[in-house]
Structures are given as C-alpha cells and as structure tokens.
Protein backbone atom coordinates (compact mmCIF):
# COMPACT_ATOMS: atom_id res chain seq x y z
CA MET A 1 -14.27 -19.60 0.67
CA ALA A 2 -13.50 -20.39 -2.96
CA VAL A 3 -14.92 -18.20 -5.71
CA GLU A 4 -14.34 -17.85 -9.44
CA THR A 5 -14.44 -14.94 -11.86
CA ILE A 6 -17.37 -14.65 -14.25
CA ASP A 7 -15.81 -12.03 -16.53
CA ASN A 8 -12.52 -11.83 -18.42
CA VAL A 9 -10.55 -8.78 -17.26
CA ASP A 10 -7.68 -7.57 -19.45
CA SER A 11 -5.10 -4.88 -18.71
CA SER A 12 -5.52 -3.53 -22.26
CA THR A 13 -9.14 -2.48 -21.67
CA ALA A 14 -9.68 -2.37 -17.90
CA ARG A 15 -9.56 0.94 -16.04
CA PRO A 16 -9.27 1.62 -12.30
CA GLY A 17 -12.78 1.72 -10.84
CA ASP A 18 -14.25 -0.78 -13.32
CA PHE A 19 -16.25 -3.62 -11.81
CA PHE A 20 -15.86 -7.36 -12.36
CA ARG A 21 -18.11 -10.22 -11.26
CA PHE A 22 -17.35 -13.45 -9.44
CA LYS A 23 -19.42 -16.20 -7.83
CA THR A 24 -19.08 -18.66 -4.99
CA ILE A 25 -18.27 -22.21 -5.98
CA ASN A 26 -19.80 -24.04 -3.01
CA ALA A 27 -22.39 -23.20 -0.39
CA VAL A 28 -21.37 -22.10 3.10
CA ALA A 29 -23.41 -23.55 5.95
CA ALA A 30 -23.68 -22.92 9.68
CA GLY A 31 -24.85 -26.25 11.02
CA THR A 32 -27.66 -27.35 8.73
CA ARG A 33 -28.56 -23.81 7.60
CA VAL A 34 -27.11 -22.54 4.30
CA VAL A 35 -25.75 -19.05 4.97
CA ILE A 36 -24.23 -18.35 1.55
CA PRO A 37 -25.65 -20.43 -1.32
CA ALA A 38 -23.47 -21.87 -4.07
CA HIS A 39 -23.17 -19.57 -7.11
CA THR A 40 -23.84 -16.42 -5.06
CA LEU A 41 -22.89 -13.40 -7.17
CA GLY A 42 -20.11 -11.11 -6.02
CA TRP A 43 -18.65 -7.84 -7.25
CA GLY A 44 -15.14 -6.48 -7.20
CA THR A 45 -13.23 -3.52 -8.58
CA VAL A 46 -10.19 -2.99 -10.73
CA ASP A 47 -7.73 -1.22 -8.41
CA VAL A 48 -4.78 -0.93 -10.83
CA ALA A 49 -4.78 -1.29 -14.61
CA SER A 50 -2.05 -0.32 -17.01
CA PRO A 51 -1.92 -1.52 -20.60
CA ALA A 52 1.25 -2.87 -22.16
CA GLY A 53 3.27 -0.35 -24.09
CA ARG A 54 6.38 0.38 -26.09
CA GLY A 55 9.80 -0.31 -24.69
CA GLY A 56 8.65 -3.72 -23.52
CA HIS A 57 6.40 -2.19 -20.81
CA ALA A 58 4.26 -5.09 -19.55
CA GLY A 59 0.59 -4.60 -18.70
CA THR A 60 -0.37 -4.54 -15.01
CA LEU A 61 -3.64 -5.55 -13.36
CA VAL A 62 -4.80 -5.70 -9.72
CA LEU A 63 -8.34 -6.76 -8.84
CA GLU A 64 -10.04 -6.49 -5.43
CA PRO A 65 -13.20 -8.42 -4.49
CA ARG A 66 -15.66 -6.18 -2.59
CA TYR A 67 -18.92 -7.91 -1.69
CA LEU A 68 -21.35 -10.79 -2.21
CA VAL A 69 -25.03 -10.17 -3.00
CA LEU A 70 -26.97 -12.47 -0.66
CA PRO A 71 -30.50 -13.76 -1.31
CA GLY A 72 -32.85 -10.87 -0.62
CA GLY A 73 -30.32 -8.33 -1.92
CA ALA A 74 -28.22 -7.75 1.22
CA ARG A 75 -24.51 -7.15 0.60
CA LEU A 76 -21.84 -8.99 2.57
CA GLY A 77 -18.41 -7.38 2.40
CA VAL A 78 -15.48 -9.66 1.59
CA VAL A 79 -11.70 -9.42 1.70
CA LEU A 80 -9.24 -11.20 -0.55
CA ASP A 81 -7.29 -14.13 0.87
CA GLN A 82 -3.80 -12.64 0.77
CA LYS A 83 -2.15 -15.90 -0.24
CA PRO A 84 -0.89 -15.72 -3.83
CA SER A 85 -3.73 -15.44 -6.31
CA ASP A 86 -4.11 -14.71 -9.99
CA LEU A 87 -5.88 -11.41 -9.32
CA ALA A 88 -2.69 -9.38 -9.47
CA GLY A 89 0.15 -9.56 -11.90
CA SER A 90 1.77 -8.22 -14.97
CA GLY A 91 2.35 -9.45 -18.47
CA THR A 92 5.77 -10.25 -19.88
CA SER A 93 7.99 -7.63 -21.43
CA ASN A 94 9.33 -9.93 -24.16
CA SER A 95 12.22 -7.50 -24.59
CA LEU A 96 15.64 -8.81 -25.46
CA PRO A 97 17.83 -8.88 -22.36
CA GLY A 98 19.63 -5.60 -21.71
CA TYR A 99 23.02 -7.27 -21.51
CA LEU A 100 22.77 -8.14 -25.21
CA GLY A 101 23.07 -4.44 -25.96
CA ALA A 102 26.31 -4.33 -23.96
CA ILE A 103 28.04 -7.00 -26.05
CA PRO A 104 30.28 -5.17 -28.52
CA LEU A 105 29.02 -6.68 -31.75
CA PRO A 106 29.29 -4.18 -34.61
CA GLY A 107 25.85 -2.90 -35.56
CA PHE A 108 23.87 -5.12 -33.19
CA GLY A 109 23.77 -2.90 -30.08
CA ALA A 110 21.74 -0.20 -31.82
CA ALA A 111 19.44 -2.80 -33.40
CA ILE A 112 18.67 -4.40 -30.02
CA GLY A 113 18.04 -1.00 -28.42
CA ALA A 114 15.67 -0.06 -31.25
CA PHE A 115 13.86 -3.42 -31.00
CA ASN A 116 13.27 -2.97 -27.28
CA TYR A 117 12.14 0.64 -27.73
CA PHE A 118 9.53 -0.13 -30.37
CA HIS A 119 8.55 -3.58 -29.06
CA ARG A 120 5.36 -3.71 -27.01
CA GLY A 121 5.08 -5.77 -23.84
CA LYS A 122 2.26 -8.23 -23.22
CA ASN A 123 -1.02 -7.43 -21.50
CA ILE A 124 -2.25 -9.58 -18.66
CA THR A 125 -5.66 -11.24 -18.60
CA VAL A 126 -7.52 -12.70 -15.65
CA PRO A 127 -9.70 -15.17 -17.55
CA ARG A 128 -13.23 -16.19 -16.74
CA GLY A 129 -13.15 -19.12 -14.29
CA THR A 130 -10.06 -17.94 -12.38
CA ILE A 131 -10.39 -19.36 -8.87
CA PHE A 132 -9.35 -17.38 -5.80
CA ALA A 133 -10.28 -17.28 -2.10
CA ILE A 134 -12.12 -14.67 -0.04
CA PHE A 135 -13.13 -14.18 3.57
CA PRO A 136 -16.65 -12.90 4.26
CA SER A 137 -16.08 -9.80 6.39
CA ASP A 138 -16.64 -6.07 6.36
CA ASP A 139 -13.42 -5.64 8.34
CA PRO A 140 -10.14 -5.69 6.34
CA ARG A 141 -8.32 -6.69 9.54
CA THR A 142 -9.74 -10.19 8.90
CA ALA A 143 -6.83 -10.71 6.51
CA ARG A 144 -4.53 -10.86 9.57
CA CYS A 145 -6.33 -14.00 10.74
CA GLN A 146 -5.04 -16.05 7.83
CA GLU A 147 -2.82 -19.04 8.29
CA PRO A 148 0.75 -18.51 7.10
CA ASP A 149 1.95 -20.69 4.24
C-alpha cells in the first residue's frame, strides 16, 4: 500500500522517539467494501537521528511507520516495505577526499586536513510528500512475505 509523509523530518532537529505523520494515497478495498479509506492518517517514529557535524560527519535518519488510525479510532499496525525507500539515509559529508591529504604538495596536506576537520557534513531531510510502501499487519514477520526485487 502506498503512503506519503505529511511532515518534513530533518536529521538536524529530529530525535529518536519523535513521531511523524503519513497518509494513505489510495483506498484499499475488499470486494466492494472499502477497508482503508484514501488519506487515512498514520503515525511513525524516528528510530535513529544524528545531526551532521564537524569533520564532515553526515546526518543520519531512520524512520519507521507504526500504525494507521482507521475510521472510528481503531489502530492498525503496519510494517515498512523493506524494498529501498527514502525513510533511511544519510546526508553527504562534502569533505575533500582523504587521498588529497596524502599527495605531497607543500603546505596543502595540513590545509586539507584542517578543512575536513572544521567542515560540517550535510543533514538529511525526508520531505513532506515522500512516498513509500507499507503492509498492514501487526506482525513484523509480514516483511518476509515480500517479493524479491
């Protein structure tokens, strides 16, 4: 089932345990009965968050969808489709390659080392509208039922 994020989540401000929202894109039906309406709200948590830092340390972010809130308020647990998604990743370090410091150019090795030490990496953002896939299930073993790529 395809869903999309409602909130921007950024590694510079997110903390493990924070919540983020997502919603279903299309309705899910069983026969002629709609089981999960389109635009059903879901909630997930930030599992890993690390801001970018000095030395070219890139920000890291891992999000985990948890449940959908069905009409009437019931919660339906969900698991993330384990195929590659944009809910986990890291920013870029933007450091100069380490091998540049090994080239014996008078005065440049120290300058490159200093640049990389004081240079900050990039944070990663999962922007609003990021689409990913979930399986409705309270059982994480459902992830094993996925089709291989």
